[in-house]
Amino acid sequence: MPAHTVTLVRHGQTASSARMAYSGRSDIPLTDAGREQARHAAQQLKTAGVDAVIASPLIRARDTAQAIADATGAPLTVDERLTEVDYGPFEGLDRAGAREQIGAPFHAWRADPFGAPVPGMEPLEDALARARAATADAIAAHDHPVIVGHQGILRIVLVALGRMEPGDYFGTRLLEAEPIVVESPSVR
């Protein structure tokens, strides 16, 4: 029976997210504030009927997911397909630094995130394929899974769930460790 609910949780704060830098595939730990955010999210979900926690393999997501798994008693599974988007040449840069260093390709990507990938960056269409598969597997196997990941990949999960249009990718900001509940999810 497919999931009745899926909850998405962006990892807690990291040093990179605090300065609004692209951290992509960098394996950056949570800050003290990020660990507290993860504990708070876990408490919010403690009695929500969570039956699985599925996380990106990156430490910031795994540690957030572990807090949720500990609070809910649900098993934690790591899914490589939920790894953050590979930002390639602007990994570690904030938006101003990426704009300065990458120039026109960065502007084009910001204007058309799914249609104009920056050279050396993972195309969002490729990330959508893996996020769609991970999300479909999660909701097919569980009644209320929690997917813990990163802002970029979770925006893409929202696209896969039909809860966000691809063109709204940059218009949607996911707060750190704030659960987003999606009722009656289906992957498109």
N, C-alpha and C. Protein backbone atom coordinates (compact mmCIF):
# COMPACT_ATOMS: atom_id res chain seq x y z
N MET A 1 0.85 -1.18 0.00
CA MET A 1 0.00 0.00 0.00
C MET A 1 0.89 1.25 0.00
N PRO A 2 0.62 2.21 -0.88
CA PRO A 2 1.46 3.41 -0.94
C PRO A 2 1.30 4.30 0.28
N ALA A 3 2.26 5.17 0.46
CA ALA A 3 2.27 6.07 1.61
C ALA A 3 1.04 6.97 1.61
N HIS A 4 0.57 7.25 2.80
CA HIS A 4 -0.51 8.22 2.97
C HIS A 4 0.08 9.60 3.21
N THR A 5 1.31 9.61 3.70
CA THR A 5 2.00 10.87 4.03
C THR A 5 3.49 10.67 3.80
N VAL A 6 4.14 11.70 3.31
CA VAL A 6 5.60 11.73 3.29
C VAL A 6 5.99 13.08 3.89
N THR A 7 7.02 13.06 4.70
CA THR A 7 7.52 14.30 5.28
C THR A 7 8.93 14.53 4.78
N LEU A 8 9.20 15.74 4.33
CA LEU A 8 10.53 16.12 3.87
C LEU A 8 11.16 17.01 4.92
N VAL A 9 12.45 16.76 5.20
CA VAL A 9 13.18 17.58 6.16
C VAL A 9 14.55 17.91 5.60
N ARG A 10 14.79 19.20 5.46
CA ARG A 10 16.13 19.65 5.10
C ARG A 10 17.00 19.50 6.34
N HIS A 11 18.27 19.17 6.16
CA HIS A 11 19.20 19.05 7.29
C HIS A 11 19.27 20.35 8.08
N GLY A 12 19.80 20.25 9.30
CA GLY A 12 20.01 21.44 10.12
C GLY A 12 21.17 22.28 9.60
N GLN A 13 21.37 23.38 10.25
CA GLN A 13 22.37 24.37 9.83
C GLN A 13 23.79 23.79 9.80
N THR A 14 24.54 24.22 8.78
CA THR A 14 25.98 23.95 8.68
C THR A 14 26.68 25.30 8.57
N ALA A 15 27.99 25.30 8.64
CA ALA A 15 28.73 26.56 8.47
C ALA A 15 28.47 27.13 7.07
N SER A 16 28.35 26.27 6.07
CA SER A 16 28.08 26.73 4.71
C SER A 16 26.67 27.29 4.56
N SER A 17 25.68 26.59 5.12
CA SER A 17 24.31 27.09 4.98
C SER A 17 24.12 28.39 5.76
N ALA A 18 24.86 28.56 6.84
CA ALA A 18 24.78 29.80 7.61
C ALA A 18 25.22 31.00 6.78
N ARG A 19 26.15 30.77 5.85
CA ARG A 19 26.60 31.88 4.99
C ARG A 19 25.98 31.79 3.60
N MET A 20 24.97 30.92 3.46
CA MET A 20 24.21 30.74 2.21
C MET A 20 25.11 30.41 1.03
N ALA A 21 26.02 29.46 1.27
CA ALA A 21 26.94 28.99 0.23
C ALA A 21 26.44 27.66 -0.32
N TYR A 22 26.76 27.38 -1.56
CA TYR A 22 26.43 26.10 -2.18
C TYR A 22 27.36 25.04 -1.60
N SER A 23 26.79 24.08 -0.88
CA SER A 23 27.64 23.04 -0.29
C SER A 23 27.53 21.71 -1.01
N GLY A 24 26.56 21.53 -1.86
CA GLY A 24 26.47 20.37 -2.73
C GLY A 24 27.00 19.08 -2.15
N ARG A 25 28.05 18.55 -2.76
CA ARG A 25 28.60 17.25 -2.38
C ARG A 25 29.61 17.33 -1.24
N SER A 26 29.94 18.53 -0.78
CA SER A 26 30.87 18.65 0.35
C SER A 26 30.23 18.00 1.58
N ASP A 27 31.01 17.23 2.32
CA ASP A 27 30.48 16.53 3.49
C ASP A 27 30.73 17.37 4.74
N ILE A 28 29.86 18.31 4.97
CA ILE A 28 30.02 19.32 6.03
C ILE A 28 29.13 18.95 7.21
N PRO A 29 29.66 18.98 8.43
CA PRO A 29 28.85 18.61 9.60
C PRO A 29 27.89 19.73 10.02
N LEU A 30 26.94 19.35 10.85
CA LEU A 30 26.04 20.32 11.45
C LEU A 30 26.80 21.20 12.43
N THR A 31 26.34 22.42 12.58
CA THR A 31 26.82 23.29 13.65
C THR A 31 26.07 22.92 14.93
N ASP A 32 26.44 23.53 16.04
CA ASP A 32 25.68 23.31 17.28
C ASP A 32 24.22 23.71 17.07
N ALA A 33 24.00 24.83 16.39
CA ALA A 33 22.62 25.26 16.10
C ALA A 33 21.92 24.23 15.22
N GLY A 34 22.63 23.65 14.26
CA GLY A 34 22.06 22.63 13.39
C GLY A 34 21.67 21.38 14.14
N ARG A 35 22.47 20.97 15.11
CA ARG A 35 22.13 19.80 15.92
C ARG A 35 20.89 20.09 16.76
N GLU A 36 20.77 21.31 17.27
CA GLU A 36 19.58 21.68 18.03
C GLU A 36 18.35 21.70 17.11
N GLN A 37 18.49 22.22 15.90
CA GLN A 37 17.39 22.21 14.94
C GLN A 37 16.95 20.77 14.64
N ALA A 38 17.91 19.87 14.49
CA ALA A 38 17.59 18.47 14.22
C ALA A 38 16.82 17.86 15.39
N ARG A 39 17.24 18.15 16.60
CA ARG A 39 16.51 17.65 17.79
C ARG A 39 15.09 18.20 17.82
N HIS A 40 14.94 19.47 17.47
CA HIS A 40 13.61 20.09 17.46
C HIS A 40 12.71 19.41 16.40
N ALA A 41 13.24 19.19 15.21
CA ALA A 41 12.47 18.51 14.17
C ALA A 41 12.08 17.11 14.63
N ALA A 42 13.01 16.42 15.27
CA ALA A 42 12.75 15.07 15.77
C ALA A 42 11.59 15.09 16.77
N GLN A 43 11.58 16.06 17.65
CA GLN A 43 10.49 16.16 18.63
C GLN A 43 9.15 16.44 17.95
N GLN A 44 9.17 17.25 16.90
CA GLN A 44 7.95 17.53 16.16
C GLN A 44 7.38 16.27 15.52
N LEU A 45 8.25 15.36 15.13
CA LEU A 45 7.82 14.16 14.41
C LEU A 45 7.66 12.93 15.31
N LYS A 46 7.98 13.09 16.57
CA LYS A 46 8.01 11.95 17.50
C LYS A 46 6.72 11.13 17.51
N THR A 47 5.59 11.79 17.45
CA THR A 47 4.31 11.08 17.51
C THR A 47 3.53 11.16 16.19
N ALA A 48 4.22 11.37 15.09
CA ALA A 48 3.56 11.56 13.79
C ALA A 48 3.32 10.25 13.04
N GLY A 49 3.67 9.12 13.63
CA GLY A 49 3.45 7.84 12.96
C GLY A 49 4.48 7.54 11.88
N VAL A 50 5.67 8.08 12.02
CA VAL A 50 6.76 7.86 11.06
C VAL A 50 7.17 6.39 11.12
N ASP A 51 7.25 5.75 9.95
CA ASP A 51 7.65 4.34 9.94
C ASP A 51 8.97 4.08 9.21
N ALA A 52 9.58 5.14 8.69
CA ALA A 52 10.89 5.01 8.04
C ALA A 52 11.52 6.38 7.92
N VAL A 53 12.83 6.43 8.05
CA VAL A 53 13.59 7.66 7.83
C VAL A 53 14.62 7.32 6.76
N ILE A 54 14.59 8.07 5.66
CA ILE A 54 15.46 7.80 4.52
C ILE A 54 16.28 9.06 4.28
N ALA A 55 17.60 8.92 4.24
CA ALA A 55 18.46 10.09 4.23
C ALA A 55 19.54 10.04 3.15
N SER A 56 19.96 11.23 2.76
CA SER A 56 21.15 11.40 1.96
C SER A 56 22.34 10.84 2.75
N PRO A 57 23.38 10.36 2.06
CA PRO A 57 24.54 9.85 2.77
C PRO A 57 25.44 10.93 3.38
N LEU A 58 25.23 12.19 3.03
CA LEU A 58 26.11 13.25 3.55
C LEU A 58 25.82 13.47 5.04
N ILE A 59 26.87 13.70 5.81
CA ILE A 59 26.81 13.70 7.27
C ILE A 59 25.77 14.68 7.82
N ARG A 60 25.61 15.83 7.20
CA ARG A 60 24.65 16.80 7.72
C ARG A 60 23.23 16.26 7.65
N ALA A 61 22.91 15.51 6.60
CA ALA A 61 21.59 14.90 6.48
C ALA A 61 21.49 13.65 7.36
N ARG A 62 22.53 12.84 7.37
CA ARG A 62 22.50 11.62 8.19
C ARG A 62 22.33 11.95 9.67
N ASP A 63 23.03 12.97 10.17
CA ASP A 63 22.89 13.33 11.58
C ASP A 63 21.50 13.87 11.90
N THR A 64 20.93 14.65 10.98
CA THR A 64 19.56 15.13 11.17
C THR A 64 18.60 13.94 11.16
N ALA A 65 18.79 13.04 10.21
CA ALA A 65 17.94 11.85 10.11
C ALA A 65 18.07 10.95 11.34
N GLN A 66 19.28 10.83 11.87
CA GLN A 66 19.47 9.97 13.04
C GLN A 66 18.69 10.50 14.23
N ALA A 67 18.67 11.82 14.40
CA ALA A 67 17.88 12.41 15.49
C ALA A 67 16.41 12.06 15.34
N ILE A 68 15.91 12.10 14.10
CA ILE A 68 14.50 11.78 13.83
C ILE A 68 14.25 10.29 14.07
N ALA A 69 15.15 9.45 13.59
CA ALA A 69 15.01 8.01 13.80
C ALA A 69 15.02 7.67 15.29
N ASP A 70 15.91 8.29 16.03
CA ASP A 70 15.98 8.03 17.48
C ASP A 70 14.69 8.44 18.18
N ALA A 71 14.13 9.58 17.80
CA ALA A 71 12.91 10.08 18.45
C ALA A 71 11.68 9.27 18.07
N THR A 72 11.62 8.81 16.83
CA THR A 72 10.42 8.12 16.34
C THR A 72 10.49 6.61 16.48
N GLY A 73 11.70 6.07 16.63
CA GLY A 73 11.88 4.62 16.66
C GLY A 73 11.84 3.99 15.27
N ALA A 74 11.77 4.81 14.24
CA ALA A 74 11.73 4.30 12.86
C ALA A 74 13.14 3.96 12.39
N PRO A 75 13.27 2.94 11.55
CA PRO A 75 14.59 2.61 11.04
C PRO A 75 15.11 3.68 10.08
N LEU A 76 16.42 3.85 10.10
CA LEU A 76 17.09 4.82 9.23
C LEU A 76 17.76 4.07 8.09
N THR A 77 17.51 4.53 6.87
CA THR A 77 18.14 3.99 5.67
C THR A 77 18.82 5.13 4.94
N VAL A 78 20.01 4.89 4.44
CA VAL A 78 20.73 5.89 3.63
C VAL A 78 20.49 5.55 2.17
N ASP A 79 20.13 6.56 1.39
CA ASP A 79 19.86 6.37 -0.03
C ASP A 79 20.74 7.35 -0.81
N GLU A 80 21.70 6.82 -1.55
CA GLU A 80 22.64 7.63 -2.34
C GLU A 80 21.93 8.57 -3.30
N ARG A 81 20.75 8.17 -3.76
CA ARG A 81 20.02 8.98 -4.73
C ARG A 81 19.55 10.32 -4.15
N LEU A 82 19.60 10.45 -2.84
CA LEU A 82 19.19 11.70 -2.19
C LEU A 82 20.37 12.63 -1.90
N THR A 83 21.55 12.27 -2.40
CA THR A 83 22.71 13.15 -2.27
C THR A 83 22.39 14.49 -2.92
N GLU A 84 22.92 15.55 -2.37
CA GLU A 84 22.65 16.88 -2.90
C GLU A 84 23.14 16.99 -4.34
N VAL A 85 22.55 17.94 -5.05
CA VAL A 85 22.96 18.26 -6.42
C VAL A 85 24.46 18.58 -6.42
N ASP A 86 25.14 18.12 -7.45
CA ASP A 86 26.57 18.42 -7.62
C ASP A 86 26.67 19.78 -8.31
N TYR A 87 27.08 20.79 -7.56
CA TYR A 87 27.15 22.15 -8.09
C TYR A 87 28.43 22.44 -8.85
N GLY A 88 29.31 21.47 -8.91
CA GLY A 88 30.51 21.61 -9.74
C GLY A 88 31.31 22.86 -9.46
N PRO A 89 31.45 23.76 -10.44
CA PRO A 89 32.38 24.89 -10.31
C PRO A 89 32.01 25.94 -9.27
N PHE A 90 30.77 25.93 -8.78
CA PHE A 90 30.46 26.93 -7.76
C PHE A 90 30.22 26.33 -6.38
N GLU A 91 30.64 25.08 -6.21
CA GLU A 91 30.64 24.46 -4.89
C GLU A 91 31.42 25.33 -3.91
N GLY A 92 30.83 25.64 -2.77
CA GLY A 92 31.49 26.42 -1.72
C GLY A 92 31.33 27.92 -1.86
N LEU A 93 30.83 28.37 -3.00
CA LEU A 93 30.65 29.81 -3.21
C LEU A 93 29.26 30.24 -2.77
N ASP A 94 29.12 31.48 -2.34
CA ASP A 94 27.78 32.01 -2.13
C ASP A 94 27.29 32.52 -3.48
N ARG A 95 26.05 32.99 -3.54
CA ARG A 95 25.49 33.40 -4.82
C ARG A 95 26.29 34.50 -5.49
N ALA A 96 26.73 35.50 -4.71
CA ALA A 96 27.51 36.60 -5.30
C ALA A 96 28.83 36.08 -5.86
N GLY A 97 29.49 35.19 -5.14
CA GLY A 97 30.75 34.62 -5.61
C GLY A 97 30.55 33.78 -6.86
N ALA A 98 29.46 33.01 -6.90
CA ALA A 98 29.17 32.20 -8.09
C ALA A 98 28.86 33.10 -9.28
N ARG A 99 28.11 34.14 -9.05
CA ARG A 99 27.77 35.08 -10.13
C ARG A 99 29.03 35.70 -10.70
N GLU A 100 29.94 36.08 -9.80
CA GLU A 100 31.19 36.71 -10.23
C GLU A 100 32.10 35.72 -10.96
N GLN A 101 32.22 34.53 -10.41
CA GLN A 101 33.17 33.56 -10.98
C GLN A 101 32.64 32.85 -12.24
N ILE A 102 31.36 32.57 -12.29
CA ILE A 102 30.79 31.79 -13.38
C ILE A 102 30.20 32.70 -14.47
N GLY A 103 29.67 33.84 -14.08
CA GLY A 103 29.15 34.81 -15.04
C GLY A 103 27.88 34.38 -15.73
N ALA A 104 27.85 34.54 -17.05
CA ALA A 104 26.64 34.33 -17.85
C ALA A 104 26.01 32.94 -17.66
N PRO A 105 26.78 31.84 -17.62
CA PRO A 105 26.14 30.54 -17.42
C PRO A 105 25.39 30.45 -16.08
N PHE A 106 25.93 31.11 -15.06
CA PHE A 106 25.24 31.11 -13.76
C PHE A 106 23.93 31.88 -13.87
N HIS A 107 23.95 33.04 -14.53
CA HIS A 107 22.73 33.83 -14.73
C HIS A 107 21.69 33.04 -15.52
N ALA A 108 22.14 32.33 -16.55
CA ALA A 108 21.23 31.52 -17.36
C ALA A 108 20.59 30.42 -16.53
N TRP A 109 21.39 29.79 -15.67
CA TRP A 109 20.87 28.72 -14.81
C TRP A 109 19.85 29.27 -13.82
N ARG A 110 20.13 30.43 -13.25
CA ARG A 110 19.18 31.04 -12.31
C ARG A 110 17.87 31.40 -13.02
N ALA A 111 17.93 31.75 -14.30
CA ALA A 111 16.73 32.09 -15.06
C ALA A 111 15.96 30.85 -15.51
N ASP A 112 16.67 29.74 -15.75
CA ASP A 112 16.05 28.51 -16.25
C ASP A 112 16.76 27.32 -15.62
N PRO A 113 16.44 27.01 -14.34
CA PRO A 113 17.21 26.00 -13.60
C PRO A 113 17.23 24.61 -14.21
N PHE A 114 16.16 24.19 -14.86
CA PHE A 114 16.14 22.86 -15.45
C PHE A 114 16.60 22.85 -16.90
N GLY A 115 16.65 24.01 -17.53
CA GLY A 115 16.97 24.06 -18.95
C GLY A 115 18.35 24.58 -19.29
N ALA A 116 19.05 25.15 -18.31
CA ALA A 116 20.35 25.77 -18.61
C ALA A 116 21.37 25.44 -17.53
N PRO A 117 21.77 24.17 -17.40
CA PRO A 117 22.75 23.83 -16.36
C PRO A 117 24.10 24.50 -16.63
N VAL A 118 24.78 24.83 -15.57
CA VAL A 118 26.13 25.38 -15.65
C VAL A 118 27.07 24.25 -16.07
N PRO A 119 27.98 24.48 -17.03
CA PRO A 119 28.94 23.44 -17.39
C PRO A 119 29.70 22.94 -16.15
N GLY A 120 29.77 21.64 -16.01
CA GLY A 120 30.45 21.03 -14.87
C GLY A 120 29.52 20.75 -13.69
N MET A 121 28.30 21.22 -13.78
CA MET A 121 27.30 21.00 -12.73
C MET A 121 26.39 19.85 -13.15
N GLU A 122 25.85 19.12 -12.19
CA GLU A 122 24.86 18.09 -12.48
C GLU A 122 23.58 18.75 -13.02
N PRO A 123 23.12 18.37 -14.19
CA PRO A 123 21.85 18.92 -14.68
C PRO A 123 20.70 18.55 -13.73
N LEU A 124 19.81 19.49 -13.47
CA LEU A 124 18.71 19.22 -12.55
C LEU A 124 17.78 18.13 -13.09
N GLU A 125 17.71 17.97 -14.41
CA GLU A 125 16.93 16.86 -14.97
C GLU A 125 17.49 15.52 -14.52
N ASP A 126 18.81 15.39 -14.42
CA ASP A 126 19.43 14.15 -13.94
C ASP A 126 19.13 13.96 -12.46
N ALA A 127 19.21 15.03 -11.69
CA ALA A 127 18.89 14.95 -10.26
C ALA A 127 17.42 14.60 -10.07
N LEU A 128 16.55 15.11 -10.94
CA LEU A 128 15.12 14.79 -10.86
C LEU A 128 14.89 13.30 -11.08
N ALA A 129 15.60 12.69 -12.01
CA ALA A 129 15.42 11.26 -12.27
C ALA A 129 15.76 10.44 -11.03
N ARG A 130 16.87 10.77 -10.37
CA ARG A 130 17.24 9.98 -9.19
C ARG A 130 16.34 10.29 -8.00
N ALA A 131 15.94 11.56 -7.83
CA ALA A 131 15.04 11.93 -6.73
C ALA A 131 13.67 11.31 -6.92
N ARG A 132 13.21 11.29 -8.16
CA ARG A 132 11.90 10.68 -8.46
C ARG A 132 11.92 9.20 -8.07
N ALA A 133 12.99 8.50 -8.44
CA ALA A 133 13.08 7.06 -8.14
C ALA A 133 13.16 6.82 -6.63
N ALA A 134 13.96 7.60 -5.92
CA ALA A 134 14.09 7.43 -4.47
C ALA A 134 12.77 7.71 -3.77
N THR A 135 12.08 8.75 -4.21
CA THR A 135 10.81 9.12 -3.59
C THR A 135 9.75 8.06 -3.87
N ALA A 136 9.68 7.59 -5.11
CA ALA A 136 8.71 6.55 -5.46
C ALA A 136 8.95 5.29 -4.62
N ASP A 137 10.21 4.91 -4.45
CA ASP A 137 10.51 3.73 -3.64
C ASP A 137 10.09 3.95 -2.18
N ALA A 138 10.35 5.14 -1.65
CA ALA A 138 10.01 5.43 -0.25
C ALA A 138 8.51 5.38 -0.02
N ILE A 139 7.73 5.99 -0.91
CA ILE A 139 6.29 6.01 -0.66
C ILE A 139 5.61 4.69 -1.01
N ALA A 140 6.25 3.88 -1.85
CA ALA A 140 5.69 2.55 -2.14
C ALA A 140 5.90 1.58 -0.99
N ALA A 141 6.98 1.76 -0.24
CA ALA A 141 7.35 0.80 0.80
C ALA A 141 6.90 1.17 2.20
N HIS A 142 6.44 2.41 2.40
CA HIS A 142 6.15 2.87 3.76
C HIS A 142 4.86 3.67 3.82
N ASP A 143 4.25 3.70 4.98
CA ASP A 143 3.03 4.47 5.17
C ASP A 143 3.33 5.94 5.45
N HIS A 144 4.41 6.20 6.20
CA HIS A 144 4.79 7.59 6.49
C HIS A 144 6.32 7.70 6.59
N PRO A 145 6.97 7.75 5.43
CA PRO A 145 8.42 7.94 5.46
C PRO A 145 8.78 9.42 5.65
N VAL A 146 9.94 9.63 6.25
CA VAL A 146 10.54 10.96 6.31
C VAL A 146 11.77 10.91 5.42
N ILE A 147 11.85 11.84 4.48
CA ILE A 147 13.00 11.94 3.59
C ILE A 147 13.83 13.13 4.06
N VAL A 148 15.08 12.86 4.43
CA VAL A 148 15.96 13.90 4.94
C VAL A 148 17.06 14.16 3.91
N GLY A 149 17.14 15.40 3.49
CA GLY A 149 18.12 15.73 2.46
C GLY A 149 18.55 17.17 2.52
N HIS A 150 18.68 17.75 1.37
CA HIS A 150 19.29 19.07 1.19
C HIS A 150 18.32 19.96 0.42
N GLN A 151 18.53 21.25 0.51
CA GLN A 151 17.60 22.17 -0.12
C GLN A 151 17.41 21.87 -1.61
N GLY A 152 18.50 21.70 -2.36
CA GLY A 152 18.38 21.46 -3.79
C GLY A 152 17.64 20.19 -4.12
N ILE A 153 18.04 19.07 -3.53
CA ILE A 153 17.41 17.79 -3.88
C ILE A 153 15.99 17.73 -3.36
N LEU A 154 15.69 18.35 -2.21
CA LEU A 154 14.32 18.32 -1.71
C LEU A 154 13.40 19.21 -2.54
N ARG A 155 13.92 20.29 -3.09
CA ARG A 155 13.11 21.07 -4.04
C ARG A 155 12.75 20.17 -5.22
N ILE A 156 13.71 19.37 -5.65
CA ILE A 156 13.48 18.47 -6.78
C ILE A 156 12.49 17.37 -6.40
N VAL A 157 12.55 16.89 -5.17
CA VAL A 157 11.54 15.93 -4.69
C VAL A 157 10.15 16.57 -4.77
N LEU A 158 10.04 17.84 -4.38
CA LEU A 158 8.75 18.53 -4.48
C LEU A 158 8.27 18.62 -5.93
N VAL A 159 9.21 18.80 -6.86
CA VAL A 159 8.84 18.77 -8.28
C VAL A 159 8.34 17.38 -8.64
N ALA A 160 9.05 16.34 -8.21
CA ALA A 160 8.66 14.95 -8.50
C ALA A 160 7.28 14.62 -7.93
N LEU A 161 6.94 15.24 -6.81
CA LEU A 161 5.63 15.01 -6.18
C LEU A 161 4.54 15.90 -6.77
N GLY A 162 4.90 16.75 -7.71
CA GLY A 162 3.93 17.65 -8.31
C GLY A 162 3.50 18.77 -7.39
N ARG A 163 4.30 19.05 -6.36
CA ARG A 163 3.96 20.10 -5.39
C ARG A 163 4.67 21.40 -5.70
N MET A 164 5.49 21.39 -6.74
CA MET A 164 6.23 22.58 -7.15
C MET A 164 6.52 22.45 -8.64
N GLU A 165 6.42 23.55 -9.35
CA GLU A 165 6.76 23.57 -10.77
C GLU A 165 8.27 23.76 -10.92
N PRO A 166 8.89 23.17 -11.93
CA PRO A 166 10.33 23.34 -12.11
C PRO A 166 10.76 24.82 -12.16
N GLY A 167 9.95 25.66 -12.73
CA GLY A 167 10.29 27.08 -12.82
C GLY A 167 10.28 27.80 -11.48
N ASP A 168 9.68 27.17 -10.45
CA ASP A 168 9.63 27.76 -9.11
C ASP A 168 10.80 27.31 -8.24
N TYR A 169 11.75 26.60 -8.84
CA TYR A 169 12.87 26.02 -8.10
C TYR A 169 13.55 27.05 -7.19
N PHE A 170 13.84 28.23 -7.71
CA PHE A 170 14.53 29.23 -6.89
C PHE A 170 13.56 30.09 -6.08
N GLY A 171 12.28 29.97 -6.33
CA GLY A 171 11.30 30.74 -5.58
C GLY A 171 10.88 30.07 -4.29
N THR A 172 11.34 28.85 -4.09
CA THR A 172 10.98 28.09 -2.89
C THR A 172 12.21 27.90 -2.02
N ARG A 173 12.18 28.43 -0.82
CA ARG A 173 13.29 28.26 0.11
C ARG A 173 12.84 27.30 1.21
N LEU A 174 13.60 26.25 1.41
CA LEU A 174 13.30 25.29 2.46
C LEU A 174 14.09 25.66 3.70
N LEU A 175 13.41 25.82 4.79
CA LEU A 175 14.07 26.18 6.04
C LEU A 175 14.77 24.96 6.62
N GLU A 176 15.83 25.21 7.35
CA GLU A 176 16.61 24.12 7.94
C GLU A 176 15.80 23.39 9.01
N ALA A 177 15.75 22.07 8.86
CA ALA A 177 15.13 21.16 9.83
C ALA A 177 13.68 21.52 10.14
N GLU A 178 12.97 22.03 9.15
CA GLU A 178 11.54 22.32 9.29
C GLU A 178 10.77 21.29 8.47
N PRO A 179 10.04 20.39 9.13
CA PRO A 179 9.30 19.36 8.39
C PRO A 179 8.26 19.94 7.43
N ILE A 180 8.21 19.35 6.25
CA ILE A 180 7.20 19.68 5.24
C ILE A 180 6.39 18.41 5.02
N VAL A 181 5.13 18.45 5.39
CA VAL A 181 4.26 17.27 5.31
C VAL A 181 3.49 17.32 3.99
N VAL A 182 3.54 16.21 3.27
CA VAL A 182 2.82 16.07 2.01
C VAL A 182 1.84 14.91 2.19
N GLU A 183 0.55 15.24 2.17
CA GLU A 183 -0.49 14.22 2.30
C GLU A 183 -0.77 13.58 0.94
N SER A 184 -1.13 12.32 0.95
CA SER A 184 -1.49 11.55 -0.26
C SER A 184 -0.49 11.78 -1.39
N PRO A 185 0.79 11.50 -1.13
CA PRO A 185 1.81 11.77 -2.15
C PRO A 185 1.75 10.79 -3.32
N SER A 186 2.06 11.29 -4.49
CA SER A 186 2.26 10.43 -5.66
C SER A 186 3.33 11.07 -6.52
N VAL A 187 4.17 10.21 -7.07
CA VAL A 187 5.29 10.69 -7.88
C VAL A 187 4.84 10.82 -9.32
N ARG A 188 5.25 11.93 -9.95
CA ARG A 188 4.89 12.19 -11.36
C ARG A 188 6.10 12.14 -12.24
